[in-house]
N, C-alpha and C. Protein backbone atom coordinates (compact mmCIF):
# COMPACT_ATOMS: atom_id res chain seq x y z
N UNK A 1 0.60 -1.08 0.16
CA UNK A 1 0.08 0.05 0.37
C UNK A 1 0.73 1.22 0.17
N UNK A 2 0.48 2.09 -0.74
CA UNK A 2 1.41 3.38 -1.06
C UNK A 2 0.89 4.28 -0.21
N UNK A 3 2.01 4.88 0.78
CA UNK A 3 1.85 6.15 1.55
C UNK A 3 1.67 7.34 0.76
N UNK A 4 0.30 8.43 1.29
CA UNK A 4 0.58 9.65 0.69
C UNK A 4 1.53 10.19 1.55
N UNK A 5 2.74 11.16 0.71
CA UNK A 5 3.72 11.98 1.48
C UNK A 5 3.15 13.29 1.62
N UNK A 6 2.42 13.63 2.46
CA UNK A 6 1.39 15.16 2.73
C UNK A 6 2.74 15.97 3.44
N UNK A 7 3.12 16.88 2.89
CA UNK A 7 4.01 17.73 4.28
C UNK A 7 2.86 18.79 4.53
N UNK A 8 2.78 19.07 5.94
CA UNK A 8 1.94 19.92 6.42
C UNK A 8 2.69 21.39 6.26
N UNK A 9 1.51 22.09 5.97
CA UNK A 9 2.03 23.63 5.50
C UNK A 9 1.96 24.34 7.10
N UNK A 10 3.34 24.83 7.23
CA UNK A 10 3.63 25.59 8.63
C UNK A 10 3.99 26.77 7.96
N UNK A 11 3.12 27.68 7.67
CA UNK A 11 3.68 29.00 7.11
C UNK A 11 4.55 30.11 8.37
N UNK A 12 5.48 30.58 7.68
CA UNK A 12 5.95 31.90 8.68
C UNK A 12 5.11 33.11 8.58
N UNK A 13 4.86 33.68 9.31
CA UNK A 13 3.91 34.70 9.47
C UNK A 13 4.76 35.97 9.53
N UNK A 14 5.02 37.05 8.53
CA UNK A 14 6.31 37.83 8.95
C UNK A 14 5.54 39.33 9.78
N UNK A 15 5.96 39.71 10.59
CA UNK A 15 5.60 40.93 11.52
C UNK A 15 4.43 40.42 12.27
N UNK A 16 4.45 39.17 12.86
CA UNK A 16 3.38 38.91 13.21
C UNK A 16 3.10 39.53 14.76
N UNK A 17 4.10 40.06 15.49
CA UNK A 17 4.38 40.87 16.46
C UNK A 17 4.26 42.13 16.26
N UNK A 18 3.83 42.65 15.18
CA UNK A 18 3.74 44.27 15.06
C UNK A 18 2.26 44.63 15.07
N UNK A 19 1.58 45.37 15.46
CA UNK A 19 0.47 45.57 15.88
C UNK A 19 0.08 46.68 14.31
N UNK A 20 -0.86 46.05 13.65
CA UNK A 20 -1.22 46.71 12.35
C UNK A 20 -2.45 47.28 12.30
N UNK A 21 -3.23 47.54 13.36
CA UNK A 21 -4.62 47.97 13.46
C UNK A 21 -4.18 49.57 14.12
N UNK A 22 -4.93 50.50 13.30
CA UNK A 22 -4.97 51.97 13.28
C UNK A 22 -6.04 52.42 13.05
N UNK A 23 -6.32 53.35 14.15
CA UNK A 23 -7.60 53.90 14.03
C UNK A 23 -7.70 55.03 13.03
N UNK A 24 -8.98 55.18 12.26
CA UNK A 24 -8.72 56.00 11.32
C UNK A 24 -8.33 57.85 11.77
N UNK A 25 -8.62 58.21 12.80
CA UNK A 25 -8.33 59.35 13.37
C UNK A 25 -6.59 59.30 13.46
N UNK A 26 -6.12 58.22 13.88
CA UNK A 26 -4.62 58.06 13.85
C UNK A 26 -4.06 58.08 12.68
N UNK A 27 -4.51 57.38 11.68
CA UNK A 27 -3.96 57.52 10.25
C UNK A 27 -4.05 58.80 9.70
N UNK A 28 -4.95 59.71 9.77
CA UNK A 28 -5.26 61.30 9.55
C UNK A 28 -4.40 61.98 10.27
N UNK A 29 -3.78 61.76 11.39
CA UNK A 29 -3.06 62.42 11.95
C UNK A 29 -1.45 62.08 11.27
N UNK A 30 -1.10 60.69 11.22
CA UNK A 30 -0.04 60.34 10.92
C UNK A 30 0.19 61.07 9.25
N UNK A 31 -1.03 60.92 8.42
CA UNK A 31 -0.76 61.69 7.36
C UNK A 31 -0.35 63.13 7.44
N UNK A 32 -0.91 63.76 8.19
CA UNK A 32 -0.46 65.34 8.61
C UNK A 32 0.94 65.44 8.82
N UNK A 33 1.50 64.54 10.16
CA UNK A 33 2.57 64.73 10.29
C UNK A 33 3.69 64.55 9.12
N UNK A 34 3.51 63.41 8.54
CA UNK A 34 4.10 63.02 7.30
C UNK A 34 4.37 64.37 6.35
N UNK A 35 3.02 64.95 5.81
CA UNK A 35 3.49 66.06 5.05
C UNK A 35 3.85 66.97 5.57
N UNK A 36 4.17 67.24 6.91
CA UNK A 36 4.83 68.43 7.47
C UNK A 36 6.59 68.20 7.83
N UNK A 37 6.59 66.58 7.53
CA UNK A 37 8.15 66.46 7.36
C UNK A 37 8.47 66.05 8.40
N UNK A 38 7.90 65.68 9.50
CA UNK A 38 8.12 65.14 11.10
C UNK A 38 9.01 63.96 10.78
N UNK A 39 10.09 63.67 11.40
CA UNK A 39 10.67 62.26 11.37
C UNK A 39 10.11 61.18 11.72
N UNK A 40 10.33 59.82 11.32
CA UNK A 40 9.64 58.60 11.87
C UNK A 40 9.99 58.52 13.23
N UNK A 41 10.93 58.50 13.84
CA UNK A 41 11.01 58.84 15.37
C UNK A 41 9.76 59.62 16.01
N UNK A 42 10.02 60.91 15.45
CA UNK A 42 9.05 61.66 16.20
C UNK A 42 7.64 61.58 15.86
N UNK A 43 7.27 60.90 14.88
CA UNK A 43 5.92 60.26 14.40
C UNK A 43 5.62 59.45 15.51
N UNK A 44 6.22 58.54 15.55
CA UNK A 44 6.63 56.93 16.37
C UNK A 44 5.74 57.55 17.89
N UNK A 45 7.00 58.58 18.27
CA UNK A 45 6.57 59.11 19.56
C UNK A 45 5.22 59.94 19.81
N UNK A 46 4.90 60.37 18.78
CA UNK A 46 3.63 61.23 19.06
C UNK A 46 2.42 60.63 18.78
N UNK A 47 2.61 59.33 17.94
CA UNK A 47 1.28 58.35 17.91
C UNK A 47 1.24 57.38 18.91
N UNK A 48 2.87 57.40 19.37
CA UNK A 48 2.47 56.22 20.82
C UNK A 48 2.65 54.78 20.00
N UNK A 49 3.48 55.06 19.02
CA UNK A 49 3.45 53.54 18.40
C UNK A 49 5.00 53.44 18.14
N UNK A 50 5.47 52.08 17.73
CA UNK A 50 7.07 51.69 17.42
C UNK A 50 7.34 52.23 16.22
N UNK A 51 8.62 51.90 15.86
CA UNK A 51 9.06 52.68 14.60
C UNK A 51 8.52 51.44 13.53
N UNK A 52 8.38 50.25 13.68
CA UNK A 52 8.23 48.94 13.10
C UNK A 52 6.60 49.64 12.59
N UNK A 53 5.54 49.72 13.70
CA UNK A 53 4.51 50.44 13.28
C UNK A 53 4.40 51.30 12.40
N UNK A 54 5.08 52.38 12.39
CA UNK A 54 5.00 53.42 11.67
C UNK A 54 5.37 53.43 10.28
N UNK A 55 6.64 52.32 10.12
CA UNK A 55 6.86 51.53 9.00
C UNK A 55 5.96 50.97 8.16
N UNK A 56 5.36 50.08 8.64
CA UNK A 56 4.22 49.65 8.02
C UNK A 56 3.04 50.37 7.43
N UNK A 57 2.59 51.39 8.17
CA UNK A 57 1.63 52.52 7.64
C UNK A 57 1.96 53.59 6.55
N UNK A 58 3.57 53.58 7.00
CA UNK A 58 4.11 54.26 5.51
C UNK A 58 4.22 53.93 4.27
N UNK A 59 4.25 52.35 4.42
CA UNK A 59 4.08 51.29 3.25
C UNK A 59 2.70 51.37 2.66
N UNK A 60 1.71 51.31 3.80
CA UNK A 60 0.36 51.08 3.36
C UNK A 60 0.01 52.43 2.80
N UNK A 61 0.17 53.33 3.29
CA UNK A 61 -0.32 54.94 2.73
C UNK A 61 0.41 55.05 1.26
N UNK A 62 1.91 54.92 1.26
CA UNK A 62 2.43 54.91 0.05
C UNK A 62 1.96 54.19 -0.85
N UNK A 63 1.84 52.95 -0.73
CA UNK A 63 1.14 52.05 -2.06
C UNK A 63 -0.24 52.25 -2.27
N UNK A 64 -1.00 52.96 -1.37
CA UNK A 64 -2.26 53.51 -1.93
C UNK A 64 -2.28 55.31 -2.29
N UNK A 65 -1.17 55.62 -2.57
CA UNK A 65 -0.85 56.99 -2.82
C UNK A 65 -1.22 58.20 -2.18
N UNK A 66 -1.19 57.66 -0.84
CA UNK A 66 -1.99 58.73 0.23
C UNK A 66 -1.23 59.62 0.67
N UNK A 67 0.40 59.42 0.37
CA UNK A 67 1.37 59.86 1.01
C UNK A 67 2.40 60.01 -0.19
N UNK A 68 3.16 60.99 -0.38
CA UNK A 68 4.48 61.10 -1.44
C UNK A 68 5.62 60.85 -0.84
N UNK A 69 6.71 60.33 -1.47
CA UNK A 69 8.15 60.21 -1.04
C UNK A 69 8.50 61.87 -0.73
N UNK A 70 9.32 61.66 0.41
CA UNK A 70 9.82 62.93 0.93
C UNK A 70 11.20 63.17 0.53
N UNK A 71 11.65 64.43 0.38
CA UNK A 71 13.12 64.62 0.11
C UNK A 71 14.17 63.78 0.80
N UNK A 72 13.85 63.82 1.91
CA UNK A 72 14.94 63.23 3.11
C UNK A 72 14.39 61.65 3.19
N UNK A 73 13.36 61.22 2.38
CA UNK A 73 13.04 59.77 2.71
C UNK A 73 12.38 59.69 4.05
N UNK A 74 12.16 58.83 4.73
CA UNK A 74 11.45 58.36 6.20
C UNK A 74 12.23 59.11 7.15
N UNK A 75 13.35 59.19 7.16
CA UNK A 75 14.06 59.58 8.35
C UNK A 75 13.57 61.41 8.58
């Protein structure tokens, strides 16, 4: 009798330890701070978020065309 060689799928979930939930008011505040040229470090402090969480919202808003690249990048 032949056995099925089924390999169980055990995915790696990237950034599973990062809080990706944002309230709409915080997204709006982020966009305002971004457009004002505030640094990533200062945005994180003002929003009480980690650098990683702010990095994720930067990617999200940029991909959706809600923010534009800045002269000095994200820093």
